[in-house]
Every structure is written in structure tokens, then in C-alpha cells.
Amino acid sequence: MNSTHGNAKFCSTTCRSKKANSIADREAARRRVKEWRLANPERYRTAHAQRTAARRARLQGAYVEDVDRQEVWRRDQGVCHICGLPADPARWHLDHVVPLASGGSHAYDNVAVSHPACNLRKGARPL
């Protein structure tokens, strides 16, 4: 006996209910992630930035090291490496000194603190 649900066919009502439960589980997981992200904006921003930078480096075929943004902030003492002025701890960029697009690596020896405006003005050019 086949049981249909929309365009999907299931061998039984048990299989159909299992599928419905798995969809509900995925939706509940998405809600939990969204709630965590809203409750922990700084941790989410840091984790997202790390994943994005590492992904961009891998796509360029560059060496990828696990870079901790807070460690770079402490090392550079919160000073923008481009203009030399203090950066805002809540709003700063992790700049690749030799850009990923130019073959730079995503490693501690190639990243530094920068102001967003300084980094965007610099673009994909090495200093």
C-alpha cells in the first residue's frame, strides 16, 4: 500500500510520519541556531568571520592556519597596521597583509588588525 504526501510517495503511513518528523526536527534545529546567534552576536560574528576567511583562502589554494581573531587583536594591541591608529574592538577587520587574491596565506604571519575603512581602501593590494 502506498501512501502519498504531496508529490512524495511513501510505502506506509509510518514512513510518511518519519519524514514529517525529520522535517520538524530540521526546523527546530534552525530555530535553535537562530536563537543562539541572536543571544551570542559577538561569538557568532567571530566564528562566521573565521569560517569565511578560511573558506576564501582554501578557494584560492592558499595555506590555511586556524587563526584566532582575539589572539591577533592582542598581538597587534588593537592598532591598525595600515594607519597606526587604535581600532574599535567591536568593529575591526582581520586584514591579509598579502591578499589572498595575490597568493597570501591565511596564517598569523599574514594577518593584522585594521580599520574597516583602511582595509576596504587598501583592497586586494599588498602594502
N, C-alpha and C. Protein backbone atom coordinates (compact mmCIF):
# COMPACT_ATOMS: atom_id res chain seq x y z
N MET A 1 0.85 -1.18 0.00
CA MET A 1 0.00 0.00 0.00
C MET A 1 0.89 1.24 0.00
N ASN A 2 0.64 2.13 -0.92
CA ASN A 2 1.38 3.38 -0.99
C ASN A 2 0.58 4.49 -0.34
N SER A 3 1.27 5.35 0.37
CA SER A 3 0.64 6.50 0.99
C SER A 3 1.28 7.74 0.38
N THR A 4 0.48 8.69 -0.05
CA THR A 4 1.04 9.88 -0.69
C THR A 4 0.98 11.07 0.25
N HIS A 5 1.97 11.95 0.07
CA HIS A 5 2.06 13.19 0.84
C HIS A 5 2.56 14.24 -0.14
N GLY A 6 1.66 15.07 -0.66
CA GLY A 6 2.06 16.00 -1.71
C GLY A 6 2.44 15.19 -2.94
N ASN A 7 3.60 15.42 -3.50
CA ASN A 7 4.08 14.66 -4.65
C ASN A 7 4.89 13.45 -4.23
N ALA A 8 5.22 13.34 -2.95
CA ALA A 8 6.05 12.24 -2.47
C ALA A 8 5.19 11.01 -2.18
N LYS A 9 5.73 9.84 -2.50
CA LYS A 9 5.03 8.59 -2.20
C LYS A 9 5.80 7.86 -1.12
N PHE A 10 5.08 7.30 -0.18
CA PHE A 10 5.68 6.57 0.92
C PHE A 10 5.09 5.16 0.95
N CYS A 11 5.87 4.22 1.43
CA CYS A 11 5.41 2.84 1.47
C CYS A 11 4.34 2.62 2.54
N SER A 12 4.32 3.50 3.54
CA SER A 12 3.33 3.34 4.61
C SER A 12 3.14 4.68 5.32
N THR A 13 2.15 4.73 6.19
CA THR A 13 1.93 5.95 6.96
C THR A 13 3.06 6.14 7.97
N THR A 14 3.70 5.04 8.40
CA THR A 14 4.83 5.14 9.31
C THR A 14 5.98 5.89 8.65
N CYS A 15 6.30 5.53 7.40
CA CYS A 15 7.37 6.23 6.67
C CYS A 15 7.01 7.69 6.45
N ARG A 16 5.74 7.95 6.15
CA ARG A 16 5.31 9.33 5.95
C ARG A 16 5.48 10.14 7.24
N SER A 17 5.12 9.58 8.38
CA SER A 17 5.26 10.31 9.63
C SER A 17 6.72 10.49 10.02
N LYS A 18 7.59 9.50 9.68
CA LYS A 18 9.03 9.67 9.94
C LYS A 18 9.58 10.85 9.15
N LYS A 19 9.16 10.99 7.89
CA LYS A 19 9.60 12.10 7.06
C LYS A 19 9.11 13.42 7.66
N ALA A 20 7.87 13.46 8.09
CA ALA A 20 7.33 14.68 8.70
C ALA A 20 8.10 15.05 9.96
N ASN A 21 8.46 14.03 10.76
CA ASN A 21 9.23 14.28 11.98
C ASN A 21 10.62 14.81 11.65
N SER A 22 11.27 14.28 10.61
CA SER A 22 12.61 14.75 10.27
C SER A 22 12.57 16.19 9.79
N ILE A 23 11.52 16.57 9.07
CA ILE A 23 11.37 17.96 8.65
C ILE A 23 11.17 18.85 9.86
N ALA A 24 10.35 18.42 10.81
CA ALA A 24 10.11 19.19 12.03
C ALA A 24 11.40 19.32 12.84
N ASP A 25 12.21 18.25 12.89
CA ASP A 25 13.48 18.29 13.61
C ASP A 25 14.43 19.31 12.99
N ARG A 26 14.50 19.35 11.66
CA ARG A 26 15.37 20.31 10.98
C ARG A 26 14.92 21.74 11.27
N GLU A 27 13.62 21.97 11.23
CA GLU A 27 13.09 23.31 11.50
C GLU A 27 13.38 23.72 12.95
N ALA A 28 13.25 22.78 13.88
CA ALA A 28 13.55 23.08 15.29
C ALA A 28 15.04 23.40 15.46
N ALA A 29 15.90 22.68 14.76
CA ALA A 29 17.34 22.93 14.84
C ALA A 29 17.66 24.32 14.28
N ARG A 30 17.03 24.68 13.18
CA ARG A 30 17.24 26.02 12.61
C ARG A 30 16.83 27.10 13.60
N ARG A 31 15.69 26.89 14.28
CA ARG A 31 15.22 27.86 15.28
C ARG A 31 16.22 27.99 16.42
N ARG A 32 16.75 26.83 16.90
CA ARG A 32 17.72 26.87 17.99
C ARG A 32 18.98 27.63 17.58
N VAL A 33 19.46 27.39 16.36
CA VAL A 33 20.65 28.09 15.88
C VAL A 33 20.39 29.59 15.80
N LYS A 34 19.23 29.96 15.28
CA LYS A 34 18.90 31.38 15.17
C LYS A 34 18.81 32.03 16.55
N GLU A 35 18.21 31.35 17.51
CA GLU A 35 18.12 31.88 18.88
C GLU A 35 19.50 32.05 19.49
N TRP A 36 20.39 31.06 19.28
CA TRP A 36 21.75 31.15 19.82
C TRP A 36 22.47 32.32 19.17
N ARG A 37 22.33 32.45 17.85
CA ARG A 37 23.01 33.52 17.13
C ARG A 37 22.57 34.89 17.65
N LEU A 38 21.28 35.06 17.91
CA LEU A 38 20.77 36.33 18.42
C LEU A 38 21.20 36.57 19.87
N ALA A 39 21.34 35.50 20.66
CA ALA A 39 21.76 35.63 22.05
C ALA A 39 23.27 35.82 22.19
N ASN A 40 24.05 35.42 21.18
CA ASN A 40 25.52 35.49 21.23
C ASN A 40 26.08 36.18 19.98
N PRO A 41 25.74 37.45 19.76
CA PRO A 41 26.14 38.09 18.49
C PRO A 41 27.65 38.18 18.30
N GLU A 42 28.41 38.44 19.35
CA GLU A 42 29.86 38.57 19.21
C GLU A 42 30.50 37.22 18.88
N ARG A 43 30.08 36.19 19.57
CA ARG A 43 30.64 34.86 19.29
C ARG A 43 30.27 34.40 17.89
N TYR A 44 29.03 34.71 17.46
CA TYR A 44 28.62 34.34 16.10
C TYR A 44 29.44 35.10 15.07
N ARG A 45 29.61 36.41 15.28
CA ARG A 45 30.36 37.23 14.33
C ARG A 45 31.80 36.73 14.19
N THR A 46 32.42 36.40 15.31
CA THR A 46 33.79 35.90 15.30
C THR A 46 33.87 34.57 14.56
N ALA A 47 32.99 33.65 14.89
CA ALA A 47 33.00 32.33 14.25
C ALA A 47 32.72 32.45 12.76
N HIS A 48 31.76 33.30 12.39
CA HIS A 48 31.42 33.50 10.98
C HIS A 48 32.61 34.09 10.22
N ALA A 49 33.26 35.07 10.81
CA ALA A 49 34.41 35.70 10.15
C ALA A 49 35.54 34.70 9.95
N GLN A 50 35.78 33.85 10.95
CA GLN A 50 36.83 32.84 10.82
C GLN A 50 36.51 31.84 9.72
N ARG A 51 35.27 31.37 9.67
CA ARG A 51 34.88 30.42 8.63
C ARG A 51 35.00 31.04 7.24
N THR A 52 34.57 32.29 7.11
CA THR A 52 34.60 32.97 5.82
C THR A 52 36.03 33.16 5.33
N ALA A 53 36.92 33.64 6.20
CA ALA A 53 38.31 33.86 5.80
C ALA A 53 38.99 32.55 5.41
N ALA A 54 38.76 31.51 6.19
CA ALA A 54 39.38 30.22 5.89
C ALA A 54 38.84 29.66 4.58
N ARG A 55 37.55 29.82 4.33
CA ARG A 55 36.96 29.33 3.08
C ARG A 55 37.55 30.07 1.89
N ARG A 56 37.66 31.41 2.00
CA ARG A 56 38.23 32.19 0.90
C ARG A 56 39.66 31.75 0.62
N ALA A 57 40.42 31.49 1.66
CA ALA A 57 41.81 31.07 1.49
C ALA A 57 41.88 29.70 0.81
N ARG A 58 41.03 28.77 1.24
CA ARG A 58 41.02 27.44 0.62
C ARG A 58 40.67 27.52 -0.86
N LEU A 59 39.70 28.38 -1.20
CA LEU A 59 39.30 28.53 -2.60
C LEU A 59 40.44 29.08 -3.45
N GLN A 60 41.31 29.89 -2.84
CA GLN A 60 42.45 30.44 -3.56
C GLN A 60 43.63 29.46 -3.58
N GLY A 61 43.48 28.34 -2.89
CA GLY A 61 44.56 27.36 -2.83
C GLY A 61 45.66 27.76 -1.85
N ALA A 62 45.36 28.67 -0.95
CA ALA A 62 46.36 29.17 0.00
C ALA A 62 46.46 28.27 1.23
N TYR A 63 47.57 28.42 1.93
CA TYR A 63 47.76 27.73 3.21
C TYR A 63 46.76 28.31 4.20
N VAL A 64 46.09 27.46 4.96
CA VAL A 64 45.09 27.90 5.93
C VAL A 64 45.50 27.43 7.31
N GLU A 65 45.69 28.39 8.19
CA GLU A 65 46.00 28.11 9.59
C GLU A 65 44.78 28.53 10.41
N ASP A 66 44.53 27.88 11.53
CA ASP A 66 43.41 28.25 12.39
C ASP A 66 43.80 29.53 13.13
N VAL A 67 43.32 30.67 12.64
CA VAL A 67 43.68 31.98 13.19
C VAL A 67 42.59 32.45 14.16
N ASP A 68 43.00 32.76 15.38
CA ASP A 68 42.07 33.27 16.40
C ASP A 68 42.10 34.80 16.34
N ARG A 69 40.96 35.40 16.00
CA ARG A 69 40.90 36.86 15.85
C ARG A 69 41.31 37.59 17.13
N GLN A 70 40.89 37.06 18.28
CA GLN A 70 41.24 37.73 19.54
C GLN A 70 42.74 37.68 19.81
N GLU A 71 43.38 36.60 19.39
CA GLU A 71 44.84 36.49 19.54
C GLU A 71 45.53 37.53 18.67
N VAL A 72 45.04 37.74 17.46
CA VAL A 72 45.61 38.76 16.57
C VAL A 72 45.40 40.15 17.18
N TRP A 73 44.23 40.38 17.76
CA TRP A 73 43.94 41.67 18.41
C TRP A 73 44.94 41.93 19.54
N ARG A 74 45.17 40.91 20.38
CA ARG A 74 46.12 41.06 21.49
C ARG A 74 47.54 41.28 20.96
N ARG A 75 47.93 40.50 19.97
CA ARG A 75 49.28 40.62 19.40
C ARG A 75 49.52 42.03 18.85
N ASP A 76 48.53 42.57 18.12
CA ASP A 76 48.68 43.89 17.49
C ASP A 76 48.27 45.02 18.42
N GLN A 77 47.84 44.69 19.62
CA GLN A 77 47.41 45.64 20.65
C GLN A 77 46.31 46.57 20.15
N GLY A 78 45.48 46.05 19.23
CA GLY A 78 44.34 46.81 18.75
C GLY A 78 44.69 47.99 17.86
N VAL A 79 45.89 48.00 17.31
CA VAL A 79 46.33 49.12 16.47
C VAL A 79 46.27 48.71 15.00
N CYS A 80 45.65 49.56 14.19
CA CYS A 80 45.54 49.31 12.75
C CYS A 80 46.94 49.31 12.14
N HIS A 81 47.27 48.26 11.41
CA HIS A 81 48.61 48.17 10.83
C HIS A 81 48.77 49.06 9.60
N ILE A 82 47.68 49.62 9.09
CA ILE A 82 47.75 50.48 7.91
C ILE A 82 47.98 51.93 8.29
N CYS A 83 47.16 52.46 9.22
CA CYS A 83 47.28 53.88 9.58
C CYS A 83 47.96 54.10 10.93
N GLY A 84 48.05 53.05 11.76
CA GLY A 84 48.73 53.18 13.05
C GLY A 84 47.87 53.71 14.18
N LEU A 85 46.57 53.93 13.94
CA LEU A 85 45.68 54.43 14.98
C LEU A 85 44.94 53.26 15.64
N PRO A 86 44.49 53.46 16.90
CA PRO A 86 43.75 52.40 17.59
C PRO A 86 42.45 52.06 16.86
N ALA A 87 42.11 50.79 16.82
CA ALA A 87 40.87 50.33 16.20
C ALA A 87 39.82 50.10 17.26
N ASP A 88 38.57 50.07 16.84
CA ASP A 88 37.43 49.81 17.73
C ASP A 88 37.35 48.30 17.96
N PRO A 89 37.42 47.83 19.22
CA PRO A 89 37.39 46.39 19.46
C PRO A 89 36.11 45.70 18.98
N ALA A 90 35.02 46.45 18.83
CA ALA A 90 33.76 45.85 18.38
C ALA A 90 33.62 45.90 16.86
N ARG A 91 34.49 46.64 16.19
CA ARG A 91 34.34 46.82 14.75
C ARG A 91 35.72 46.97 14.10
N TRP A 92 36.30 45.84 13.72
CA TRP A 92 37.60 45.87 13.05
C TRP A 92 37.70 44.71 12.07
N HIS A 93 38.60 44.86 11.13
CA HIS A 93 38.80 43.81 10.13
C HIS A 93 40.09 43.05 10.39
N LEU A 94 40.06 41.80 10.06
CA LEU A 94 41.27 40.97 10.07
C LEU A 94 41.80 41.06 8.64
N ASP A 95 42.82 41.88 8.45
CA ASP A 95 43.35 42.15 7.11
C ASP A 95 44.44 41.15 6.76
N HIS A 96 44.43 40.67 5.51
CA HIS A 96 45.51 39.85 5.00
C HIS A 96 46.54 40.79 4.40
N VAL A 97 47.73 40.86 5.00
CA VAL A 97 48.78 41.77 4.56
C VAL A 97 49.08 41.52 3.08
N VAL A 98 49.38 40.28 2.71
CA VAL A 98 49.46 39.88 1.31
C VAL A 98 48.10 39.27 1.01
N PRO A 99 47.28 39.92 0.19
CA PRO A 99 45.91 39.46 -0.03
C PRO A 99 45.82 38.02 -0.51
N LEU A 100 44.73 37.38 -0.14
CA LEU A 100 44.50 36.01 -0.59
C LEU A 100 44.49 35.95 -2.12
N ALA A 101 43.94 36.99 -2.74
CA ALA A 101 43.86 37.04 -4.20
C ALA A 101 45.24 37.11 -4.85
N SER A 102 46.24 37.55 -4.08
CA SER A 102 47.60 37.65 -4.60
C SER A 102 48.48 36.49 -4.14
N GLY A 103 47.86 35.46 -3.58
CA GLY A 103 48.61 34.28 -3.16
C GLY A 103 49.03 34.28 -1.70
N GLY A 104 48.52 35.22 -0.91
CA GLY A 104 48.84 35.24 0.52
C GLY A 104 48.17 34.10 1.25
N SER A 105 48.68 33.80 2.43
CA SER A 105 48.13 32.70 3.23
C SER A 105 47.20 33.25 4.30
N HIS A 106 46.39 32.37 4.84
CA HIS A 106 45.53 32.72 5.98
C HIS A 106 46.24 32.15 7.21
N ALA A 107 47.26 32.88 7.66
CA ALA A 107 48.09 32.45 8.78
C ALA A 107 48.46 33.67 9.62
N TYR A 108 48.91 33.43 10.85
CA TYR A 108 49.24 34.52 11.76
C TYR A 108 50.25 35.49 11.18
N ASP A 109 51.21 34.99 10.42
CA ASP A 109 52.24 35.89 9.89
C ASP A 109 51.75 36.74 8.71
N ASN A 110 50.50 36.54 8.28
CA ASN A 110 49.97 37.31 7.15
C ASN A 110 48.67 38.04 7.48
N VAL A 111 48.28 38.09 8.75
CA VAL A 111 47.06 38.80 9.13
C VAL A 111 47.38 39.87 10.16
N ALA A 112 46.58 40.93 10.15
CA ALA A 112 46.78 42.03 11.10
C ALA A 112 45.47 42.76 11.31
N VAL A 113 45.40 43.54 12.38
CA VAL A 113 44.24 44.36 12.71
C VAL A 113 44.20 45.55 11.76
N SER A 114 43.00 45.90 11.30
CA SER A 114 42.85 47.12 10.51
C SER A 114 41.46 47.70 10.72
N HIS A 115 41.35 49.01 10.47
CA HIS A 115 40.03 49.65 10.45
C HIS A 115 39.30 49.15 9.21
N PRO A 116 37.99 49.02 9.28
CA PRO A 116 37.26 48.62 8.07
C PRO A 116 37.53 49.56 6.90
N ALA A 117 37.53 50.87 7.15
CA ALA A 117 37.76 51.84 6.06
C ALA A 117 39.16 51.69 5.47
N CYS A 118 40.16 51.51 6.32
CA CYS A 118 41.54 51.34 5.84
C CYS A 118 41.65 50.07 5.00
N ASN A 119 41.06 48.98 5.47
CA ASN A 119 41.15 47.71 4.78
C ASN A 119 40.43 47.77 3.43
N LEU A 120 39.25 48.37 3.40
CA LEU A 120 38.49 48.46 2.16
C LEU A 120 39.17 49.38 1.16
N ARG A 121 39.82 50.43 1.65
CA ARG A 121 40.54 51.35 0.77
C ARG A 121 41.76 50.63 0.17
N LYS A 122 42.40 49.82 0.98
CA LYS A 122 43.58 49.06 0.52
C LYS A 122 43.20 48.05 -0.55
N GLY A 123 42.03 47.42 -0.39
CA GLY A 123 41.56 46.45 -1.37
C GLY A 123 42.46 45.22 -1.44
N ALA A 124 42.61 44.66 -2.63
CA ALA A 124 43.40 43.44 -2.83
C ALA A 124 44.82 43.78 -3.26
N ARG A 125 45.38 44.81 -2.65
CA ARG A 125 46.77 45.20 -2.94
C ARG A 125 47.62 44.98 -1.71
N PRO A 126 48.84 44.49 -1.88
CA PRO A 126 49.72 44.36 -0.73
C PRO A 126 50.21 45.73 -0.29
N LEU A 127 50.58 45.89 0.96
CA LEU A 127 51.11 47.17 1.45
C LEU A 127 52.50 47.42 0.92
